[in-house]
C-alpha atoms as a PDB file:
ATOM      1  CA  UNK A   1     120.216  83.875 135.608  1.00  0.00           C
ATOM      2  CA  UNK A   2     119.677  81.303 133.132  1.00  0.00           C
ATOM      3  CA  UNK A   3     122.575  79.103 131.349  1.00  0.00           C
ATOM      4  CA  UNK A   4     121.928  77.992 127.947  1.00  0.00           C
ATOM      5  CA  UNK A   5     123.085  74.338 127.273  1.00  0.00           C
ATOM      6  CA  UNK A   6     123.984  73.473 123.616  1.00  0.00           C
ATOM      7  CA  UNK A   7     124.395  69.598 123.030  1.00  0.00           C
ATOM      8  CA  UNK A   8     126.272  68.160 120.124  1.00  0.00           C
ATOM      9  CA  UNK A   9     123.218  67.574 118.158  1.00  0.00           C
ATOM     10  CA  UNK A  10     121.947  71.015 118.433  1.00  0.00           C
ATOM     11  CA  UNK A  11     125.412  72.326 117.387  1.00  0.00           C
ATOM     12  CA  UNK A  12     125.408  70.013 114.384  1.00  0.00           C
ATOM     13  CA  UNK A  13     121.872  70.925 113.397  1.00  0.00           C
ATOM     14  CA  UNK A  14     122.679  74.676 113.437  1.00  0.00           C
ATOM     15  CA  UNK A  15     125.836  74.143 111.350  1.00  0.00           C
ATOM     16  CA  UNK A  16     123.902  72.115 108.918  1.00  0.00           C
ATOM     17  CA  UNK A  17     121.062  74.501 108.706  1.00  0.00           C
ATOM     18  CA  UNK A  18     123.755  77.282 107.867  1.00  0.00           C
ATOM     19  CA  UNK A  19     125.388  75.388 105.319  1.00  0.00           C
ATOM     20  CA  UNK A  20     121.868  74.553 103.631  1.00  0.00           C
ATOM     21  CA  UNK A  21     120.866  78.006 103.683  1.00  0.00           C
ATOM     22  CA  UNK A  22     124.206  79.125 102.101  1.00  0.00           C
ATOM     23  CA  UNK A  23     123.991  76.211  99.317  1.00  0.00           C
ATOM     24  CA  UNK A  24     120.245  77.270  98.808  1.00  0.00           C
ATOM     25  CA  UNK A  25     121.330  80.824  98.307  1.00  0.00           C
ATOM     26  CA  UNK A  26     123.958  80.166  95.924  1.00  0.00           C
ATOM     27  CA  UNK A  27     121.818  77.761  93.794  1.00  0.00           C
ATOM     28  CA  UNK A  28     118.757  80.310  93.740  1.00  0.00           C
ATOM     29  CA  UNK A  29     121.206  83.327  92.686  1.00  0.00           C
ATOM     30  CA  UNK A  30     122.975  81.259  90.024  1.00  0.00           C
ATOM     31  CA  UNK A  31     119.697  80.219  88.353  1.00  0.00           C
ATOM     32  CA  UNK A  32     118.506  83.887  88.745  1.00  0.00           C
ATOM     33  CA  UNK A  33     121.598  85.418  87.261  1.00  0.00           C
ATOM     34  CA  UNK A  34     121.110  82.924  84.259  1.00  0.00           C
ATOM     35  CA  UNK A  35     117.736  83.843  83.538  1.00  0.00           C
ATOM     36  CA  UNK A  36     118.596  87.565  83.684  1.00  0.00           C
ATOM     37  CA  UNK A  37     121.486  87.022  81.382  1.00  0.00           C
ATOM     38  CA  UNK A  38     119.381  85.071  78.935  1.00  0.00           C
ATOM     39  CA  UNK A  39     116.549  87.900  79.074  1.00  0.00           C
ATOM     40  CA  UNK A  40     119.392  90.784  78.180  1.00  0.00           C
ATOM     41  CA  UNK A  41     120.896  88.613  75.488  1.00  0.00           C
ATOM     42  CA  UNK A  42     124.353  87.959  77.266  1.00  0.00           C
ATOM     43  CA  UNK A  43     123.689  84.332  77.709  1.00  0.00           C
ATOM     44  CA  UNK A  44     122.449  81.555  75.932  1.00  0.00           C
ATOM     45  CA  UNK A  45     119.586  79.544  76.760  1.00  0.00           C
ATOM     46  CA  UNK A  46     120.056  75.910  78.160  1.00  0.00           C
ATOM     47  CA  UNK A  47     118.447  73.297  75.629  1.00  0.00           C
ATOM     48  CA  UNK A  48     115.896  71.341  77.556  1.00  0.00           C
ATOM     49  CA  UNK A  49     116.563  68.131  75.621  1.00  0.00           C
ATOM     50  CA  UNK A  50     120.063  66.924  75.813  1.00  0.00           C
ATOM     51  CA  UNK A  51     119.482  63.413  74.126  1.00  0.00           C
ATOM     52  CA  UNK A  52     118.250  65.015  70.646  1.00  0.00           C
ATOM     53  CA  UNK A  53     122.161  64.847  69.736  1.00  0.00           C
ATOM     54  CA  UNK A  54     122.435  61.070  70.245  1.00  0.00           C
ATOM     55  CA  UNK A  55     121.687  59.139  67.120  1.00  0.00           C
ATOM     56  CA  UNK A  56     120.837  55.564  67.405  1.00  0.00           C
ATOM     57  CA  UNK A  57     120.429  53.195  64.482  1.00  0.00           C
ATOM     58  CA  UNK A  58     117.997  50.577  64.112  1.00  0.00           C
ATOM     59  CA  UNK A  59     120.770  48.114  63.906  1.00  0.00           C
ATOM     60  CA  UNK A  60     122.149  49.045  67.196  1.00  0.00           C
ATOM     61  CA  UNK A  61     118.577  48.712  68.775  1.00  0.00           C
ATOM     62  CA  UNK A  62     118.439  45.087  67.454  1.00  0.00           C
ATOM     63  CA  UNK A  63     121.894  44.015  68.763  1.00  0.00           C
ATOM     64  CA  UNK A  64     120.967  44.771  72.334  1.00  0.00           C
END
């Protein structure tokens, strides 16, 4: 009969793996659901460049 020994490092590694897997599934499914909603026309697409809304005048560039 063989007894298994789990040291604290192995237990922490198992817990970390489980948490990372759950986080990965949540993030992947969130991205996938967004793409499906955009494809069906329910959601709106994400704009790639968020800096287009910022207006910088030439005088502001010269002052810095």
